[in-house]
Protein backbone atom coordinates (compact mmCIF):
# COMPACT_ATOMS: atom_id res chain seq x y z
CA MET A 1 95.64 55.04 87.42
CA GLY A 2 96.03 51.87 85.33
CA ARG A 3 96.40 50.66 81.74
CA SER A 4 93.05 52.10 80.71
CA ALA A 5 91.00 55.15 81.61
CA ARG A 6 88.57 53.01 83.61
CA LEU A 7 90.59 53.19 86.84
CA TYR A 8 90.67 56.82 87.78
CA GLY A 9 92.01 58.89 90.69
CA GLN A 10 90.93 62.33 91.89
CA HIS A 11 91.52 64.29 95.06
CA VAL A 12 88.42 65.83 96.66
CA TYR A 13 87.79 67.94 99.76
CA VAL A 14 84.97 66.87 102.10
CA PRO A 15 83.80 68.75 105.21
CA ARG A 16 84.97 67.46 108.55
CA THR A 17 82.08 66.14 110.63
CA GLY A 18 83.01 67.84 113.89
CA VAL A 19 82.98 71.41 115.15
CA ALA A 20 85.35 74.36 114.64
CA VAL A 21 86.35 76.10 117.85
CA HIS A 22 87.58 79.68 117.31
CA ILE A 23 89.51 81.49 120.05
CA ASN A 24 89.97 85.11 119.01
CA ALA A 25 92.27 87.93 120.09
CA PHE A 26 91.23 91.19 121.76
CA ASN A 27 92.42 93.49 118.97
CA PHE A 28 90.03 92.33 116.23
CA PRO A 29 86.67 91.56 117.93
CA ALA A 30 84.80 92.00 114.63
CA TRP A 31 87.09 91.09 111.72
CA GLY A 32 88.91 88.32 113.61
CA MET A 33 85.66 86.60 114.46
CA GLY A 34 84.17 87.17 111.02
CA GLU A 35 87.07 85.98 108.86
CA LYS A 36 87.28 82.68 110.74
CA LEU A 37 83.54 82.16 110.75
CA ALA A 38 83.12 82.81 107.03
CA VAL A 39 85.50 80.16 105.77
CA ALA A 40 84.38 77.56 108.34
CA LEU A 41 80.72 77.91 107.36
CA LEU A 42 81.56 77.88 103.63
CA ALA A 43 83.48 74.66 104.24
CA GLY A 44 80.48 73.13 105.97
CA MET A 45 81.49 73.17 109.66
CA PRO A 46 79.52 74.63 112.59
CA VAL A 47 81.45 77.10 114.77
CA ILE A 48 81.88 77.77 118.50
CA SER A 49 83.41 81.24 118.87
CA LYS A 50 85.17 82.49 122.02
CA PRO A 51 86.26 86.19 122.15
CA ALA A 52 89.01 87.70 124.27
CA THR A 53 87.80 88.99 127.63
CA SER A 54 88.85 92.64 127.22
CA THR A 55 86.72 93.27 124.10
CA ALA A 56 84.09 90.60 124.71
CA LEU A 57 81.21 93.10 125.00
CA MET A 58 81.75 94.34 121.46
CA ALA A 59 82.12 90.78 120.13
CA ALA A 60 78.93 89.75 121.98
CA ARG A 61 76.92 92.55 120.38
CA ILE A 62 78.19 91.62 116.93
CA ALA A 63 77.31 87.95 117.53
CA GLU A 64 73.82 89.03 118.66
CA LEU A 65 73.27 91.00 115.46
CA TRP A 66 74.39 88.03 113.35
CA VAL A 67 72.00 85.65 115.10
CA ASN A 68 69.09 88.11 114.99
CA SER A 69 69.60 88.64 111.24
CA GLY A 70 68.42 85.08 110.59
CA ALA A 71 71.19 84.61 108.03
CA LEU A 72 72.92 81.78 109.92
CA PRO A 73 71.48 78.25 109.80
CA GLU A 74 70.16 76.92 113.10
CA GLY A 75 73.00 75.44 115.12
CA ALA A 76 75.74 76.72 112.82
CA PHE A 77 77.05 79.36 115.23
CA SER A 78 77.55 79.30 119.00
CA PHE A 79 79.12 82.06 121.10
CA ILE A 80 80.80 81.59 124.48
CA CYS A 81 81.48 84.81 126.35
CA GLY A 82 83.72 83.78 129.24
CA SER A 83 85.55 80.62 130.20
CA THR A 84 85.19 77.62 127.92
CA GLY A 85 85.64 75.22 130.81
CA ASP A 86 86.74 71.80 129.58
CA LEU A 87 85.52 72.36 126.02
CA LEU A 88 88.90 71.75 124.38
CA SER A 89 89.32 68.42 126.15
CA HIS A 90 86.32 67.11 124.15
CA LEU A 91 87.81 67.87 120.73
CA GLY A 92 88.62 64.89 118.56
CA ALA A 93 89.93 63.91 115.13
CA GLN A 94 87.08 65.54 113.18
CA ASP A 95 87.27 68.87 115.00
CA VAL A 96 89.33 72.01 114.33
CA LEU A 97 90.84 74.52 116.75
CA ALA A 98 91.77 77.95 115.34
CA PHE A 99 93.56 80.21 117.83
CA THR A 100 94.78 83.80 117.57
CA GLY A 101 96.84 85.15 120.45
CA SER A 102 100.18 84.82 122.20
CA SER A 103 102.68 82.08 121.38
CA ASP A 104 102.82 81.10 125.08
CA THR A 105 99.07 80.43 125.17
CA ALA A 106 99.28 78.60 121.85
CA LEU A 107 101.95 76.30 123.28
CA THR A 108 99.75 75.51 126.29
CA LEU A 109 96.82 74.66 124.00
CA ARG A 110 98.88 72.48 121.69
CA ARG A 111 100.16 70.41 124.61
CA GLN A 112 96.69 69.12 125.53
CA GLU A 113 96.77 65.33 125.48
CA ASN A 114 93.66 64.80 123.38
CA LEU A 115 94.78 67.30 120.74
CA LEU A 116 98.07 65.39 120.36
CA ARG A 117 96.55 61.92 120.64
CA ASP A 118 93.80 62.49 118.06
CA SER A 119 95.82 64.75 115.77
CA VAL A 120 93.24 67.50 116.09
CA HIS A 121 93.77 70.07 113.32
CA VAL A 122 95.11 73.15 115.15
CA ASN A 123 95.72 76.48 113.38
CA VAL A 124 97.68 79.16 115.26
CA GLU A 125 98.27 82.82 114.44
CA ALA A 126 100.60 84.18 117.11
CA ASP A 127 103.41 86.67 117.77
CA SER A 128 105.04 88.28 114.76
CA LEU A 129 108.05 90.58 114.47
CA ASN A 130 107.14 91.86 111.01
CA SER A 131 109.72 93.90 109.10
CA ALA A 132 109.98 96.66 106.53
CA LEU A 133 113.02 96.72 104.19
CA LEU A 134 114.24 99.73 102.21
CA GLY A 135 116.33 98.88 99.13
CA PRO A 136 119.70 100.58 98.49
CA ASP A 137 118.34 102.12 95.28
CA ALA A 138 115.52 103.96 97.08
CA GLY A 139 116.84 107.48 97.40
CA ALA A 140 115.13 110.37 99.16
CA GLY A 141 112.06 111.52 97.25
CA SER A 142 111.76 108.36 95.13
CA GLU A 143 108.51 106.40 94.97
CA PRO A 144 109.85 103.47 97.05
CA TRP A 145 111.19 105.94 99.64
CA ASN A 146 107.84 107.73 99.97
CA MET A 147 105.80 104.52 100.11
CA PHE A 148 108.18 103.11 102.71
CA LEU A 149 107.83 106.09 105.03
CA THR A 150 104.05 106.24 104.61
CA ASP A 151 103.57 102.51 105.28
CA VAL A 152 105.89 102.42 108.30
CA VAL A 153 104.09 105.28 110.06
CA LYS A 154 100.68 103.86 109.18
CA GLU A 155 101.52 100.36 110.34
CA MET A 156 103.07 101.66 113.57
CA THR A 157 100.09 103.81 114.55
CA GLN A 158 96.96 102.21 113.05
CA LYS A 159 94.91 100.62 115.86
CA THR A 160 97.63 102.11 118.16
CA GLY A 161 99.99 99.42 116.91
CA GLN A 162 97.75 96.65 118.28
CA LYS A 163 97.88 94.57 115.09
CA CYS A 164 99.55 91.22 114.50
CA THR A 165 100.62 92.58 111.09
CA ALA A 166 102.10 95.85 112.39
CA ILE A 167 105.69 96.73 111.45
CA ARG A 168 108.03 96.06 114.39
CA ARG A 169 111.48 96.07 112.75
CA ILE A 170 112.68 98.58 110.13
CA TYR A 171 115.81 97.91 108.05
CA VAL A 172 117.52 100.54 105.91
CA PRO A 173 120.92 100.85 104.19
CA ALA A 174 123.52 102.00 106.71
CA ASP A 175 124.20 105.25 104.81
CA ARG A 176 120.48 106.20 105.01
CA LEU A 177 119.95 105.53 108.72
CA ASP A 178 120.11 109.16 109.88
CA ASP A 179 117.93 110.46 107.05
CA VAL A 180 115.27 107.83 107.62
CA ARG A 181 115.32 108.39 111.38
CA ASP A 182 114.80 112.14 110.91
CA GLU A 183 111.94 111.63 108.42
CA LEU A 184 110.17 109.07 110.62
CA VAL A 185 110.57 111.18 113.77
CA ALA A 186 109.10 114.21 111.99
CA ARG A 187 106.08 112.22 110.80
CA LEU A 188 105.53 110.41 114.11
CA LYS A 189 105.59 113.71 116.00
CA ASP A 190 102.68 114.87 113.82
CA VAL A 191 100.54 112.01 115.12
CA ARG A 192 97.87 113.41 117.46
CA VAL A 193 97.25 111.13 120.43
CA GLY A 194 94.03 111.37 122.43
CA ASN A 195 90.31 110.62 122.52
CA PRO A 196 89.40 109.12 119.09
CA ALA A 197 85.97 110.75 119.31
CA ASP A 198 87.75 114.01 118.49
CA GLU A 199 88.14 114.33 114.70
CA LYS A 200 91.54 116.00 115.13
CA ILE A 201 92.96 112.93 116.88
CA THR A 202 94.81 110.42 114.69
CA MET A 203 95.75 107.76 117.29
CA GLY A 204 93.77 106.63 120.31
CA PRO A 205 94.68 104.61 123.41
CA VAL A 206 95.71 100.99 123.78
CA ALA A 207 92.88 98.69 124.79
CA THR A 208 93.42 98.09 128.54
CA ALA A 209 95.43 99.11 131.58
CA GLN A 210 97.37 95.85 131.28
CA GLN A 211 98.16 96.61 127.66
CA LEU A 212 99.54 100.00 128.70
CA ARG A 213 101.74 98.40 131.36
CA ASP A 214 102.98 95.79 128.87
CA VAL A 215 103.77 98.39 126.20
CA ARG A 216 105.69 100.61 128.63
CA ALA A 217 107.65 97.62 129.98
CA GLY A 218 108.33 96.47 126.43
CA ILE A 219 109.70 99.88 125.42
CA GLU A 220 112.07 99.81 128.37
CA LYS A 221 113.13 96.29 127.40
CA ILE A 222 113.87 96.79 123.70
CA SER A 223 115.50 100.20 124.21
CA GLN A 224 118.29 98.84 126.42
CA GLY A 225 121.56 99.77 124.64
CA ALA A 226 119.66 101.70 121.95
CA GLU A 227 118.44 105.25 121.30
CA VAL A 228 114.80 106.27 121.77
CA ALA A 229 114.44 108.75 118.91
CA CYS A 230 110.87 109.76 119.79
CA GLY A 231 108.15 108.73 122.19
CA GLY A 232 109.12 106.43 125.00
CA ALA A 233 107.60 104.79 128.07
CA LYS A 234 106.74 108.03 129.87
CA PRO A 235 103.12 109.27 130.05
CA VAL A 236 101.86 111.35 127.14
CA ASP A 237 101.85 115.07 127.90
CA GLY A 238 98.39 116.28 128.89
CA LEU A 239 96.97 112.74 128.97
CA ALA A 240 97.58 111.52 132.51
CA LYS A 241 94.23 109.69 132.55
CA GLY A 242 93.61 106.90 130.06
CA TYR A 243 95.67 104.20 128.35
CA PHE A 244 97.70 106.48 126.12
CA VAL A 245 101.22 105.96 124.78
CA SER A 246 103.26 108.00 122.29
CA PRO A 247 104.36 106.50 118.96
CA THR A 248 107.87 105.31 119.74
CA LEU A 249 110.84 104.86 117.43
CA VAL A 250 113.87 103.04 118.83
CA VAL A 251 117.16 103.21 116.88
CA ARG A 252 119.66 100.37 117.22
CA LYS A 253 122.82 101.28 115.30
CA GLY A 254 124.65 97.97 115.71
CA PRO A 255 122.00 95.28 115.29
CA LYS A 256 122.80 91.63 116.02
CA ALA A 257 120.81 88.47 115.54
CA ASP A 258 120.55 87.81 119.28
CA ASP A 259 119.24 91.31 120.15
CA VAL A 260 116.08 91.55 122.25
CA THR A 261 114.51 93.34 119.23
CA ASN A 262 114.35 89.92 117.53
CA LYS A 263 112.90 88.17 120.60
CA HIS A 264 110.28 90.46 122.10
CA GLU A 265 107.21 91.99 120.43
CA VAL A 266 105.87 95.21 121.92
CA PHE A 267 102.18 95.14 121.04
CA GLY A 268 101.72 98.86 120.57
CA PRO A 269 102.89 101.82 118.43
CA VAL A 270 106.53 100.86 118.71
CA ALA A 271 109.17 99.90 116.14
CA THR A 272 112.97 99.62 115.97
CA LEU A 273 115.00 101.19 113.15
CA MET A 274 118.23 99.38 112.20
CA PRO A 275 120.90 99.57 109.45
CA TYR A 276 122.18 96.76 107.21
CA ALA A 277 125.35 96.56 105.14
CA ASN A 278 124.49 93.98 102.45
CA PRO A 279 121.75 91.49 101.46
CA LYS A 280 123.39 88.62 103.34
CA GLU A 281 123.45 90.54 106.61
CA LEU A 282 119.89 91.74 105.99
CA THR A 283 118.65 88.19 105.54
CA GLN A 284 120.34 87.08 108.77
CA LEU A 285 118.85 89.94 110.76
CA VAL A 286 115.33 89.47 109.38
CA ALA A 287 115.48 85.69 109.90
CA ALA A 288 116.52 86.23 113.51
CA GLY A 289 112.89 87.20 114.22
CA GLY A 290 112.02 83.52 113.97
CA GLY A 291 109.19 83.82 111.44
CA GLY A 292 106.47 86.38 110.82
CA LEU A 293 103.17 87.11 109.14
CA VAL A 294 104.29 89.73 106.65
CA SER A 295 107.34 91.64 105.48
CA SER A 296 107.29 94.64 103.16
CA ILE A 297 110.07 95.45 100.68
CA TYR A 298 110.59 98.80 98.90
CA SER A 299 112.83 98.84 95.84
CA ASP A 300 112.93 98.96 92.02
CA ASP A 301 116.26 97.12 91.76
CA LYS A 302 115.34 93.71 90.31
CA ALA A 303 118.65 92.05 91.17
CA TRP A 304 118.50 93.25 94.77
CA LEU A 305 114.83 92.30 95.02
CA ASN A 306 115.58 88.78 93.80
CA GLU A 307 118.24 88.33 96.46
CA ALA A 308 116.15 89.90 99.24
CA VAL A 309 112.95 87.98 98.44
CA SER A 310 114.80 84.66 98.08
CA GLY A 311 116.51 85.25 101.41
CA ILE A 312 113.56 86.19 103.58
CA ALA A 313 110.61 84.42 101.89
CA PRO A 314 111.02 81.19 103.93
CA TRP A 315 110.45 83.22 107.10
CA PHE A 316 107.09 84.85 106.25
CA GLY A 317 103.58 83.94 105.23
CA ARG A 318 103.28 86.97 102.97
CA LEU A 319 105.60 89.48 101.29
CA THR A 320 104.58 92.81 99.77
CA ILE A 321 106.85 94.45 97.20
CA SER A 322 106.43 98.16 96.47
CA GLY A 323 108.09 100.29 93.81
CA GLU A 324 107.47 102.86 91.11
CA LYS A 325 105.36 100.57 88.90
CA VAL A 326 102.73 100.00 91.61
CA ALA A 327 102.74 103.52 93.09
CA GLY A 328 99.20 104.60 93.85
CA GLN A 329 97.92 101.00 93.64
CA THR A 330 99.61 99.28 96.54
CA ILE A 331 97.76 98.03 99.61
CA SER A 332 99.31 98.68 103.02
CA PRO A 333 101.20 95.53 104.12
CA GLY A 334 99.17 95.21 107.28
CA THR A 335 95.90 94.89 105.34
CA VAL A 336 94.96 91.23 105.09
CA MET A 337 93.09 90.42 101.90
CA PRO A 338 90.91 87.28 101.72
CA GLY A 339 92.57 86.02 98.54
CA MET A 340 96.03 85.98 100.14
CA MET A 341 97.24 83.76 102.92
CA HIS A 342 97.18 85.04 106.51
CA GLY A 343 99.62 83.20 108.76
CA GLY A 344 103.32 82.54 108.99
CA PRO A 345 106.00 80.07 110.07
CA GLY A 346 107.89 79.75 113.36
CA ARG A 347 106.97 82.20 116.12
CA ALA A 348 104.00 83.40 114.00
CA GLY A 349 102.34 80.08 114.76
CA GLY A 350 102.68 78.12 111.54
CA GLY A 351 99.06 78.78 110.60
CA GLU A 352 97.50 79.45 107.19
CA GLU A 353 94.16 81.23 107.29
CA LEU A 354 92.30 82.75 104.35
CA GLY A 355 94.07 82.49 100.97
CA GLY A 356 91.02 81.48 98.93
CA HIS A 357 90.71 77.68 98.80
CA ARG A 358 93.45 77.42 101.42
CA GLY A 359 91.16 79.04 103.98
CA LEU A 360 88.48 76.43 103.29
CA SER A 361 90.92 73.52 103.34
CA LEU A 362 91.61 74.07 107.07
CA TYR A 363 88.08 72.82 107.75
CA MET A 364 88.02 70.00 105.21
CA GLN A 365 89.64 66.61 104.69
CA ARG A 366 91.43 65.93 101.42
CA VAL A 367 90.65 62.43 100.19
CA GLY A 368 92.10 60.59 97.21
CA LEU A 369 89.27 58.72 95.48
CA GLN A 370 90.38 55.76 93.40
CA GLY A 371 87.93 53.68 91.41
CA PRO A 372 85.60 53.57 88.36
CA ARG A 373 86.03 56.80 86.47
CA PRO A 374 82.30 57.61 85.96
CA PHE A 375 81.56 57.38 89.68
CA VAL A 376 84.66 59.27 90.83
CA GLU A 377 84.08 62.05 88.31
CA ALA A 378 80.41 62.34 89.21
CA PHE A 379 81.13 62.44 92.96
CA ALA A 380 83.92 64.98 92.52
CA GLY A 381 81.97 67.13 90.10
CA VAL A 382 84.67 66.76 87.43
CA LYS A 383 83.64 67.15 83.78
CA SER A 384 85.35 64.46 81.73
CA ALA A 385 87.68 65.69 79.01
CA SER A 386 86.30 63.05 76.71
């Protein structure tokens, strides 16, 4: 820092001295609670966890097992099943709020006066119109083509589409639209909807009656002026009782940036298939979603990949690229790995969970220490090069 090595500077992370409040979504009562808790405790912060109402019983049982295991230090974990009352109004500069849920609720939370006044660290993971992109080189039967079809169907139907990382928008070269539609329809019609306790069933119900109403209303909304190639808002044949919905593929042949497809997320087994003419148009259409958690790209054309990745990367927290060289080794784009960031810009909330050290940094303060080199190095745990 100066003329000699005596004056030294080093950045260090120290735990915040407050509490981390976690508000979790209904669709991941186990993983969602666990992934937040793990990094907060590793960073040295105690946690207050609040589950979503509709799956609170499952979350409560998991919390009970954790506590009874004796693995958690006394006072490190608290669980609130129900209303948090005025809890958030007591958060201050040393506290952290991590929220997963709708962007409307996130906006309400962020507007709280004390959160703004004290610059409370708020992390949000919200709505996400994730996309899947098929490259122009990916012909029928090629590795990228097969991986693309497999991932789209999996990400549409896994957890009945109730995943923040599910594929909502599908983009293919204009001359492949009909072929892709036919292939996807054939695969989606093979999905068996019903009671998941039956081993023959491959997709169960949505979580609640309200979810079913929202999914049906959403299908009606995004299918205006488009074709419903399979599925739809109508009840599933033979399943009048229960919260069941068919996997639904909507086809929009003339996509525009201001389409409802780029504004509204249907939180169920629903996606919209659309054509693109060139990389520039593709970037504009993908960007119209306003920011997402993950986008998947399927191609072996390096030049096209460079252009596509450069164009859409600013709009996503994570990109997965699949082609012949990684066939058989790829991980489905909706699978969130702890070493990679989970979060995204814009409508996705602007949050950054997980990602190795990045996940810990949410709960820590970065401090620049400036002073005598021996002390700074000893405090920071840095081994001197000399």
